[in-house]
Amino acid sequence: MDIRRRNNVTVTGNPEGPVVVLAHGFGCDQNMWRLTVPALAEDYRVVLFDYVGSGGSDLSAFTEDRYASLSGYARDVVEVCEALDLRDAAFVGHSVSAMVGVLAAGMAPERIASLVMVAPSPRYVDDDGYRGGFSAEDIDELLESLDSNYLGWSAAMAPVIMGNGERPELGEELTNSFCATDPDMARVFARTTFLSDSRDDLKTVRVPTLVLECLQDVIAPREVGAFVHRAVPGSTLVTLDATGHCPHLSAPQATNAALTGFLAELR
């Protein structure tokens, strides 16, 4: 199988620079990083891709068995790294991709040497002594709504996820991205995302890690950022002056400054 075609891989930036892999979140694709790439392109070799079922990926490669767990998406990441023979890459994962990156780094430590988690959450459902932001009933309702009317769910949820109600164009963009995703594949990815529990996986991280959280984020509240920071040994937590769950779109300057500062320290 042609992995580059399967995952619609794009390579840009400085071919001689250190490698940065940018991984999108649920319902998104690599275009969501368009405001980040210019900040990296001069100094870094930038790799972008779409998970199978998203963006310009090969939809025929989708199987529910593989993508019903985060490890399936992590295998995609490892296979992209292998296809490009990437070494010591920095993996930047938005939302659920932050946990995908944790798994991928464990599978192929020679490929991924550092992690940047943008608005991460290891578990969305509240638990004893843990606030994920949603009750089990909330998640059940969310998934039922998604199952029954995906386009309607997208139109209702995307602006909430994005935040920044005073900038409706951002919510519209995320809505359009959600609606462009194959509904059947999105349902699988949504269940994989919102029902996962990666808290124990965080303890396995052994690479330099930056955790980026927003001041206000209904999907990943600040208690979650604090939990991730505590759980990942030696990690750095930065609270961006941003609202919503997609700071790389709503607050690109602050996001890019934190990202490039962290990457510069690794060089």
C-alpha atoms as a PDB file:
ATOM      1  CA  MET A   1       0.000   0.000   0.000  1.00  0.00           C
ATOM      2  CA  ASP A   2       1.179   3.519  -0.808  1.00  0.00           C
ATOM      3  CA  ILE A   3       1.142   5.087   2.652  1.00  0.00           C
ATOM      4  CA  ARG A   4       1.708   8.580   1.287  1.00  0.00           C
ATOM      5  CA  ARG A   5      -1.393   8.308  -0.871  1.00  0.00           C
ATOM      6  CA  ARG A   6      -3.409   6.579   1.851  1.00  0.00           C
ATOM      7  CA  ASN A   7      -2.824   9.429   4.269  1.00  0.00           C
ATOM      8  CA  ASN A   8      -2.525  12.238   1.714  1.00  0.00           C
ATOM      9  CA  VAL A   9       0.955  13.081   3.010  1.00  0.00           C
ATOM     10  CA  THR A  10       2.376  16.553   2.327  1.00  0.00           C
ATOM     11  CA  VAL A  11       6.005  17.494   2.988  1.00  0.00           C
ATOM     12  CA  THR A  12       7.030  21.148   2.947  1.00  0.00           C
ATOM     13  CA  GLY A  13       9.445  23.578   4.570  1.00  0.00           C
ATOM     14  CA  ASN A  14      13.233  23.257   4.915  1.00  0.00           C
ATOM     15  CA  PRO A  15      14.309  19.822   3.630  1.00  0.00           C
ATOM     16  CA  GLU A  16      17.472  20.019   5.755  1.00  0.00           C
ATOM     17  CA  GLY A  17      15.728  21.060   8.969  1.00  0.00           C
ATOM     18  CA  PRO A  18      14.554  18.997  11.939  1.00  0.00           C
ATOM     19  CA  VAL A  19      11.259  17.238  11.288  1.00  0.00           C
ATOM     20  CA  VAL A  20       7.908  18.419  12.681  1.00  0.00           C
ATOM     21  CA  VAL A  21       4.827  16.256  12.103  1.00  0.00           C
ATOM     22  CA  LEU A  22       1.477  18.054  12.410  1.00  0.00           C
ATOM     23  CA  ALA A  23      -1.529  15.844  13.233  1.00  0.00           C
ATOM     24  CA  HIS A  24      -5.128  17.095  13.072  1.00  0.00           C
ATOM     25  CA  GLY A  25      -8.002  16.301  15.410  1.00  0.00           C
ATOM     26  CA  PHE A  26     -11.423  14.733  14.987  1.00  0.00           C
ATOM     27  CA  GLY A  27     -13.460  16.034  12.042  1.00  0.00           C
ATOM     28  CA  CYS A  28     -10.527  18.027  10.693  1.00  0.00           C
ATOM     29  CA  ASP A  29      -7.739  17.618   8.149  1.00  0.00           C
ATOM     30  CA  GLN A  30      -4.258  18.965   7.510  1.00  0.00           C
ATOM     31  CA  ASN A  31      -5.612  22.297   6.232  1.00  0.00           C
ATOM     32  CA  MET A  32      -6.302  23.210   9.849  1.00  0.00           C
ATOM     33  CA  TRP A  33      -2.541  23.778  10.235  1.00  0.00           C
ATOM     34  CA  ARG A  34      -2.275  26.366   7.444  1.00  0.00           C
ATOM     35  CA  LEU A  35      -1.592  29.204   9.904  1.00  0.00           C
ATOM     36  CA  THR A  36       1.108  27.175  11.664  1.00  0.00           C
ATOM     37  CA  VAL A  37       3.093  25.959   8.654  1.00  0.00           C
ATOM     38  CA  PRO A  38       4.486  29.415   7.723  1.00  0.00           C
ATOM     39  CA  ALA A  39       5.917  29.797  11.236  1.00  0.00           C
ATOM     40  CA  LEU A  40       7.842  26.516  10.818  1.00  0.00           C
ATOM     41  CA  ALA A  41       8.698  26.335   7.133  1.00  0.00           C
ATOM     42  CA  GLU A  42      11.944  28.298   7.181  1.00  0.00           C
ATOM     43  CA  ASP A  43      13.649  26.212   9.857  1.00  0.00           C
ATOM     44  CA  TYR A  44      11.861  22.850   9.853  1.00  0.00           C
ATOM     45  CA  ARG A  45      10.869  20.063   7.519  1.00  0.00           C
ATOM     46  CA  VAL A  46       7.106  19.972   8.011  1.00  0.00           C
ATOM     47  CA  VAL A  47       5.074  16.806   7.456  1.00  0.00           C
ATOM     48  CA  LEU A  48       1.279  16.932   7.254  1.00  0.00           C
ATOM     49  CA  PHE A  49      -1.198  14.121   6.662  1.00  0.00           C
ATOM     50  CA  ASP A  50      -4.866  13.178   6.908  1.00  0.00           C
ATOM     51  CA  TYR A  51      -6.084  10.256   8.988  1.00  0.00           C
ATOM     52  CA  VAL A  52      -7.937   7.654   6.947  1.00  0.00           C
ATOM     53  CA  GLY A  53     -11.521   8.883   6.701  1.00  0.00           C
ATOM     54  CA  SER A  54     -10.535  12.553   6.769  1.00  0.00           C
ATOM     55  CA  GLY A  55      -9.561  15.155   4.194  1.00  0.00           C
ATOM     56  CA  GLY A  56      -7.901  13.806   1.080  1.00  0.00           C
ATOM     57  CA  SER A  57      -7.116  10.361   2.519  1.00  0.00           C
ATOM     58  CA  ASP A  58      -7.891   7.133   0.686  1.00  0.00           C
ATOM     59  CA  LEU A  59     -11.317   6.260   2.082  1.00  0.00           C
ATOM     60  CA  SER A  60     -11.080   2.732   0.705  1.00  0.00           C
ATOM     61  CA  ALA A  61      -8.373   2.027   3.302  1.00  0.00           C
ATOM     62  CA  PHE A  62     -10.818   2.509   6.177  1.00  0.00           C
ATOM     63  CA  THR A  63     -11.769  -0.486   8.307  1.00  0.00           C
ATOM     64  CA  GLU A  64     -13.784  -0.196  11.483  1.00  0.00           C
ATOM     65  CA  ASP A  65     -11.679  -2.871  13.184  1.00  0.00           C
ATOM     66  CA  ARG A  66      -8.526  -0.784  12.818  1.00  0.00           C
ATOM     67  CA  TYR A  67      -9.955   2.610  13.608  1.00  0.00           C
ATOM     68  CA  ALA A  68     -12.176   1.652  16.525  1.00  0.00           C
ATOM     69  CA  SER A  69      -9.183   2.239  18.807  1.00  0.00           C
ATOM     70  CA  LEU A  70      -6.591   4.992  19.053  1.00  0.00           C
ATOM     71  CA  SER A  71      -3.846   2.443  18.380  1.00  0.00           C
ATOM     72  CA  GLY A  72      -5.103   2.175  14.784  1.00  0.00           C
ATOM     73  CA  TYR A  73      -4.531   5.874  14.258  1.00  0.00           C
ATOM     74  CA  ALA A  74      -1.159   5.596  16.010  1.00  0.00           C
ATOM     75  CA  ARG A  75      -0.163   2.865  13.568  1.00  0.00           C
ATOM     76  CA  ASP A  76      -1.020   5.263  10.751  1.00  0.00           C
ATOM     77  CA  VAL A  77       1.392   7.786  12.268  1.00  0.00           C
ATOM     78  CA  VAL A  78       4.164   5.214  12.627  1.00  0.00           C
ATOM     79  CA  GLU A  79       3.661   4.001   9.052  1.00  0.00           C
ATOM     80  CA  VAL A  80       3.837   7.573   7.720  1.00  0.00           C
ATOM     81  CA  CYS A  81       7.089   8.064   9.675  1.00  0.00           C
ATOM     82  CA  GLU A  82       8.447   4.790   8.270  1.00  0.00           C
ATOM     83  CA  ALA A  83       7.432   5.623   4.702  1.00  0.00           C
ATOM     84  CA  LEU A  84       9.337   8.918   4.919  1.00  0.00           C
ATOM     85  CA  ASP A  85      12.107   7.391   7.070  1.00  0.00           C
ATOM     86  CA  LEU A  86      11.645  10.101   9.681  1.00  0.00           C
ATOM     87  CA  ARG A  87      13.950  10.115  12.695  1.00  0.00           C
ATOM     88  CA  ASP A  88      13.747  12.110  15.908  1.00  0.00           C
ATOM     89  CA  ALA A  89      10.632  13.992  14.786  1.00  0.00           C
ATOM     90  CA  ALA A  90       8.627  16.396  16.903  1.00  0.00           C
ATOM     91  CA  PHE A  91       5.001  15.271  16.834  1.00  0.00           C
ATOM     92  CA  VAL A  92       2.408  18.028  17.246  1.00  0.00           C
ATOM     93  CA  GLY A  93      -1.040  16.575  17.942  1.00  0.00           C
ATOM     94  CA  HIS A  94      -4.263  18.543  18.257  1.00  0.00           C
ATOM     95  CA  SER A  95      -6.986  17.274  20.579  1.00  0.00           C
ATOM     96  CA  VAL A  96      -7.328  13.477  20.270  1.00  0.00           C
ATOM     97  CA  SER A  97      -4.131  13.409  18.213  1.00  0.00           C
ATOM     98  CA  ALA A  98      -2.187  14.324  21.334  1.00  0.00           C
ATOM     99  CA  MET A  99      -3.013  10.887  22.734  1.00  0.00           C
ATOM    100  CA  VAL A 100      -2.378   9.281  19.338  1.00  0.00           C
ATOM    101  CA  GLY A 101       1.088  10.820  19.511  1.00  0.00           C
ATOM    102  CA  VAL A 102       1.684   9.329  22.958  1.00  0.00           C
ATOM    103  CA  LEU A 103       0.892   5.864  21.582  1.00  0.00           C
ATOM    104  CA  ALA A 104       2.949   6.378  18.416  1.00  0.00           C
ATOM    105  CA  ALA A 105       5.973   7.540  20.415  1.00  0.00           C
ATOM    106  CA  GLY A 106       5.744   4.349  22.445  1.00  0.00           C
ATOM    107  CA  MET A 107       5.496   2.200  19.318  1.00  0.00           C
ATOM    108  CA  ALA A 108       8.409   3.868  17.503  1.00  0.00           C
ATOM    109  CA  PRO A 109      10.645   5.796  19.900  1.00  0.00           C
ATOM    110  CA  GLU A 110      13.355   6.109  17.241  1.00  0.00           C
ATOM    111  CA  ARG A 111      10.888   8.021  15.037  1.00  0.00           C
ATOM    112  CA  ILE A 112       9.343  10.456  17.557  1.00  0.00           C
ATOM    113  CA  ALA A 113      11.632  12.335  19.921  1.00  0.00           C
ATOM    114  CA  SER A 114       9.299  14.983  21.364  1.00  0.00           C
ATOM    115  CA  LEU A 115       5.604  15.731  21.738  1.00  0.00           C
ATOM    116  CA  VAL A 116       3.499  18.866  21.584  1.00  0.00           C
ATOM    117  CA  MET A 117      -0.059  18.357  22.829  1.00  0.00           C
ATOM    118  CA  VAL A 118      -2.486  21.065  21.684  1.00  0.00           C
ATOM    119  CA  ALA A 119      -5.677  21.080  23.809  1.00  0.00           C
ATOM    120  CA  PRO A 120      -5.223  17.438  24.840  1.00  0.00           C
ATOM    121  CA  SER A 121      -7.588  15.237  26.817  1.00  0.00           C
ATOM    122  CA  PRO A 122      -6.776  11.691  27.893  1.00  0.00           C
ATOM    123  CA  ARG A 123     -10.406  11.087  28.933  1.00  0.00           C
ATOM    124  CA  TYR A 124     -13.453  13.196  28.173  1.00  0.00           C
ATOM    125  CA  VAL A 125     -15.759  11.501  30.685  1.00  0.00           C
ATOM    126  CA  ASP A 126     -15.643  12.530  34.358  1.00  0.00           C
ATOM    127  CA  ASP A 127     -14.419   9.893  36.800  1.00  0.00           C
ATOM    128  CA  ASP A 128     -13.825   9.656  40.549  1.00  0.00           C
ATOM    129  CA  GLY A 129     -11.301  12.370  41.322  1.00  0.00           C
ATOM    130  CA  TYR A 130     -11.034  13.349  37.657  1.00  0.00           C
ATOM    131  CA  ARG A 131     -12.859  16.023  35.677  1.00  0.00           C
ATOM    132  CA  GLY A 132     -12.872  15.405  31.959  1.00  0.00           C
ATOM    133  CA  GLY A 133     -15.600  17.921  31.276  1.00  0.00           C
ATOM    134  CA  PHE A 134     -18.479  15.566  30.415  1.00  0.00           C
ATOM    135  CA  SER A 135     -20.690  13.152  32.304  1.00  0.00           C
ATOM    136  CA  ALA A 136     -21.224   9.684  30.853  1.00  0.00           C
ATOM    137  CA  GLU A 137     -24.763  10.812  30.038  1.00  0.00           C
ATOM    138  CA  ASP A 138     -23.418  13.848  28.166  1.00  0.00           C
ATOM    139  CA  ILE A 139     -21.253  11.639  25.966  1.00  0.00           C
ATOM    140  CA  ASP A 140     -24.033   9.136  25.338  1.00  0.00           C
ATOM    141  CA  GLU A 141     -26.310  11.980  24.266  1.00  0.00           C
ATOM    142  CA  LEU A 142     -23.604  13.494  22.083  1.00  0.00           C
ATOM    143  CA  LEU A 143     -22.943  10.207  20.296  1.00  0.00           C
ATOM    144  CA  GLU A 144     -26.646   9.451  19.872  1.00  0.00           C
ATOM    145  CA  SER A 145     -27.169  12.862  18.302  1.00  0.00           C
ATOM    146  CA  LEU A 146     -24.197  12.317  16.015  1.00  0.00           C
ATOM    147  CA  ASP A 147     -25.523   8.900  14.978  1.00  0.00           C
ATOM    148  CA  SER A 148     -29.012  10.138  14.181  1.00  0.00           C
ATOM    149  CA  ASN A 149     -28.126  13.337  12.295  1.00  0.00           C
ATOM    150  CA  TYR A 150     -24.428  13.877  11.671  1.00  0.00           C
ATOM    151  CA  LEU A 151     -24.802  17.049   9.594  1.00  0.00           C
ATOM    152  CA  GLY A 152     -27.160  18.589  12.134  1.00  0.00           C
ATOM    153  CA  TRP A 153     -24.852  17.600  14.972  1.00  0.00           C
ATOM    154  CA  SER A 154     -21.908  19.170  13.119  1.00  0.00           C
ATOM    155  CA  ALA A 155     -23.741  22.454  12.593  1.00  0.00           C
ATOM    156  CA  ALA A 156     -24.693  22.602  16.271  1.00  0.00           C
ATOM    157  CA  MET A 157     -21.478  21.368  17.861  1.00  0.00           C
ATOM    158  CA  ALA A 158     -18.701  22.844  15.725  1.00  0.00           C
ATOM    159  CA  PRO A 159     -19.292  26.478  16.830  1.00  0.00           C
ATOM    160  CA  VAL A 160     -19.390  25.318  20.467  1.00  0.00           C
ATOM    161  CA  ILE A 161     -16.123  23.431  20.079  1.00  0.00           C
ATOM    162  CA  MET A 162     -14.457  26.344  18.293  1.00  0.00           C
ATOM    163  CA  GLY A 163     -15.678  28.972  20.763  1.00  0.00           C
ATOM    164  CA  ASN A 164     -15.006  32.589  19.718  1.00  0.00           C
ATOM    165  CA  GLY A 165     -18.659  33.347  19.022  1.00  0.00           C
ATOM    166  CA  GLU A 166     -17.702  36.877  18.024  1.00  0.00           C
ATOM    167  CA  ARG A 167     -15.827  35.362  15.069  1.00  0.00           C
ATOM    168  CA  PRO A 168     -18.507  33.172  13.463  1.00  0.00           C
ATOM    169  CA  GLU A 169     -16.338  32.453  10.460  1.00  0.00           C
ATOM    170  CA  LEU A 170     -14.214  30.163  12.649  1.00  0.00           C
ATOM    171  CA  GLY A 171     -17.212  28.108  13.702  1.00  0.00           C
ATOM    172  CA  GLU A 172     -18.367  27.962  10.092  1.00  0.00           C
ATOM    173  CA  GLU A 173     -14.996  26.631   8.993  1.00  0.00           C
ATOM    174  CA  LEU A 174     -15.056  23.852  11.561  1.00  0.00           C
ATOM    175  CA  THR A 175     -18.678  23.047  10.644  1.00  0.00           C
ATOM    176  CA  ASN A 176     -17.689  22.739   6.988  1.00  0.00           C
ATOM    177  CA  SER A 177     -14.747  20.525   7.927  1.00  0.00           C
ATOM    178  CA  PHE A 178     -16.962  18.240   9.991  1.00  0.00           C
ATOM    179  CA  CYS A 179     -19.544  18.068   7.204  1.00  0.00           C
ATOM    180  CA  ALA A 180     -16.874  17.184   4.641  1.00  0.00           C
ATOM    181  CA  THR A 181     -15.906  14.102   6.665  1.00  0.00           C
ATOM    182  CA  ASP A 182     -17.574  10.829   5.699  1.00  0.00           C
ATOM    183  CA  PRO A 183     -20.391  10.410   8.278  1.00  0.00           C
ATOM    184  CA  ASP A 184     -19.926   6.669   8.808  1.00  0.00           C
ATOM    185  CA  MET A 185     -16.195   7.059   9.345  1.00  0.00           C
ATOM    186  CA  ALA A 186     -16.751  10.111  11.538  1.00  0.00           C
ATOM    187  CA  ARG A 187     -19.056   8.077  13.785  1.00  0.00           C
ATOM    188  CA  VAL A 188     -16.304   5.522  14.360  1.00  0.00           C
ATOM    189  CA  PHE A 189     -13.688   8.217  15.019  1.00  0.00           C
ATOM    190  CA  ALA A 190     -16.052  10.035  17.384  1.00  0.00           C
ATOM    191  CA  ARG A 191     -16.651   6.935  19.492  1.00  0.00           C
ATOM    192  CA  THR A 192     -12.935   6.191  19.505  1.00  0.00           C
ATOM    193  CA  THR A 193     -12.245   9.765  20.608  1.00  0.00           C
ATOM    194  CA  PHE A 194     -14.911  10.394  23.223  1.00  0.00           C
ATOM    195  CA  LEU A 195     -14.923   6.939  24.830  1.00  0.00           C
ATOM    196  CA  SER A 196     -11.151   6.503  25.083  1.00  0.00           C
ATOM    197  CA  ASP A 197      -9.208   6.558  28.338  1.00  0.00           C
ATOM    198  CA  SER A 198      -5.494   7.233  27.847  1.00  0.00           C
ATOM    199  CA  ARG A 199      -4.654   8.390  31.337  1.00  0.00           C
ATOM    200  CA  ASP A 200      -2.341   5.479  32.080  1.00  0.00           C
ATOM    201  CA  ASP A 201      -0.569   5.948  28.728  1.00  0.00           C
ATOM    202  CA  LEU A 202       0.581   9.407  29.790  1.00  0.00           C
ATOM    203  CA  LYS A 203       2.815   7.877  32.441  1.00  0.00           C
ATOM    204  CA  THR A 204       4.772   6.040  29.745  1.00  0.00           C
ATOM    205  CA  VAL A 205       5.957   9.210  27.991  1.00  0.00           C
ATOM    206  CA  ARG A 206       9.744   9.532  28.084  1.00  0.00           C
ATOM    207  CA  VAL A 207      10.328  12.402  25.646  1.00  0.00           C
ATOM    208  CA  PRO A 208      10.294  16.199  26.076  1.00  0.00           C
ATOM    209  CA  THR A 209       6.650  17.274  26.033  1.00  0.00           C
ATOM    210  CA  LEU A 210       4.858  20.610  25.727  1.00  0.00           C
ATOM    211  CA  VAL A 211       1.220  20.804  26.823  1.00  0.00           C
ATOM    212  CA  LEU A 212      -0.730  23.739  25.358  1.00  0.00           C
ATOM    213  CA  GLU A 213      -4.085  24.580  26.933  1.00  0.00           C
ATOM    214  CA  CYS A 214      -6.496  27.481  26.433  1.00  0.00           C
ATOM    215  CA  LEU A 215      -7.917  29.810  29.061  1.00  0.00           C
ATOM    216  CA  GLN A 216     -11.408  28.587  28.174  1.00  0.00           C
ATOM    217  CA  ASP A 217     -12.103  25.311  26.390  1.00  0.00           C
ATOM    218  CA  VAL A 218     -15.391  23.431  26.776  1.00  0.00           C
ATOM    219  CA  ILE A 219     -13.881  20.230  25.339  1.00  0.00           C
ATOM    220  CA  ALA A 220     -10.676  20.198  27.401  1.00  0.00           C
ATOM    221  CA  PRO A 221     -11.077  22.367  30.518  1.00  0.00           C
ATOM    222  CA  ARG A 222      -8.028  23.567  32.378  1.00  0.00           C
ATOM    223  CA  GLU A 223      -8.300  20.802  34.973  1.00  0.00           C
ATOM    224  CA  VAL A 224      -7.475  18.425  32.116  1.00  0.00           C
ATOM    225  CA  GLY A 225      -4.387  20.374  31.096  1.00  0.00           C
ATOM    226  CA  ALA A 226      -3.190  20.327  34.706  1.00  0.00           C
ATOM    227  CA  PHE A 227      -3.800  16.562  34.877  1.00  0.00           C
ATOM    228  CA  VAL A 228      -1.833  15.910  31.663  1.00  0.00           C
ATOM    229  CA  HIS A 229       1.014  18.090  32.904  1.00  0.00           C
ATOM    230  CA  ARG A 230       1.197  16.208  36.211  1.00  0.00           C
ATOM    231  CA  ALA A 231       0.978  12.821  34.532  1.00  0.00           C
ATOM    232  CA  VAL A 232       3.696  13.348  31.910  1.00  0.00           C
ATOM    233  CA  PRO A 233       7.121  13.333  33.553  1.00  0.00           C
ATOM    234  CA  GLY A 234       9.039  16.576  33.025  1.00  0.00           C
ATOM    235  CA  SER A 235       6.417  18.159  30.779  1.00  0.00           C
ATOM    236  CA  THR A 236       5.948  21.899  30.281  1.00  0.00           C
ATOM    237  CA  LEU A 237       2.469  23.428  30.557  1.00  0.00           C
ATOM    238  CA  VAL A 238       1.651  26.676  28.756  1.00  0.00           C
ATOM    239  CA  THR A 239      -1.742  28.361  29.092  1.00  0.00           C
ATOM    240  CA  LEU A 240      -2.471  30.274  25.910  1.00  0.00           C
ATOM    241  CA  ASP A 241      -4.392  33.540  25.966  1.00  0.00           C
ATOM    242  CA  ALA A 242      -7.037  31.894  23.815  1.00  0.00           C
ATOM    243  CA  THR A 243     -10.567  30.527  23.965  1.00  0.00           C
ATOM    244  CA  GLY A 244     -12.050  27.473  22.305  1.00  0.00           C
ATOM    245  CA  HIS A 245     -10.583  24.126  21.377  1.00  0.00           C
ATOM    246  CA  CYS A 246      -8.620  25.120  18.239  1.00  0.00           C
ATOM    247  CA  PRO A 247      -6.039  27.754  19.230  1.00  0.00           C
ATOM    248  CA  HIS A 248      -3.978  27.130  16.088  1.00  0.00           C
ATOM    249  CA  LEU A 249      -6.903  28.741  14.217  1.00  0.00           C
ATOM    250  CA  SER A 250      -8.288  31.191  16.772  1.00  0.00           C
ATOM    251  CA  ALA A 251      -4.966  32.371  18.285  1.00  0.00           C
ATOM    252  CA  PRO A 252      -2.256  31.348  15.826  1.00  0.00           C
ATOM    253  CA  GLN A 253       0.339  33.885  16.956  1.00  0.00           C
ATOM    254  CA  ALA A 254       0.283  32.745  20.571  1.00  0.00           C
ATOM    255  CA  THR A 255       0.175  29.091  19.554  1.00  0.00           C
ATOM    256  CA  ASN A 256       3.034  29.440  17.092  1.00  0.00           C
ATOM    257  CA  ALA A 257       5.165  31.383  19.574  1.00  0.00           C
ATOM    258  CA  ALA A 258       4.811  28.653  22.198  1.00  0.00           C
ATOM    259  CA  LEU A 259       5.462  25.920  19.640  1.00  0.00           C
ATOM    260  CA  THR A 260       8.532  27.473  18.035  1.00  0.00           C
ATOM    261  CA  GLY A 261       9.960  28.420  21.441  1.00  0.00           C
ATOM    262  CA  PHE A 262       9.707  24.810  22.586  1.00  0.00           C
ATOM    263  CA  LEU A 263      11.181  23.443  19.343  1.00  0.00           C
ATOM    264  CA  ALA A 264      14.083  25.930  19.503  1.00  0.00           C
ATOM    265  CA  GLU A 265      15.022  24.651  22.959  1.00  0.00           C
ATOM    266  CA  LEU A 266      15.284  21.122  21.555  1.00  0.00           C
ATOM    267  CA  ARG A 267      17.787  22.042  18.839  1.00  0.00           C
END
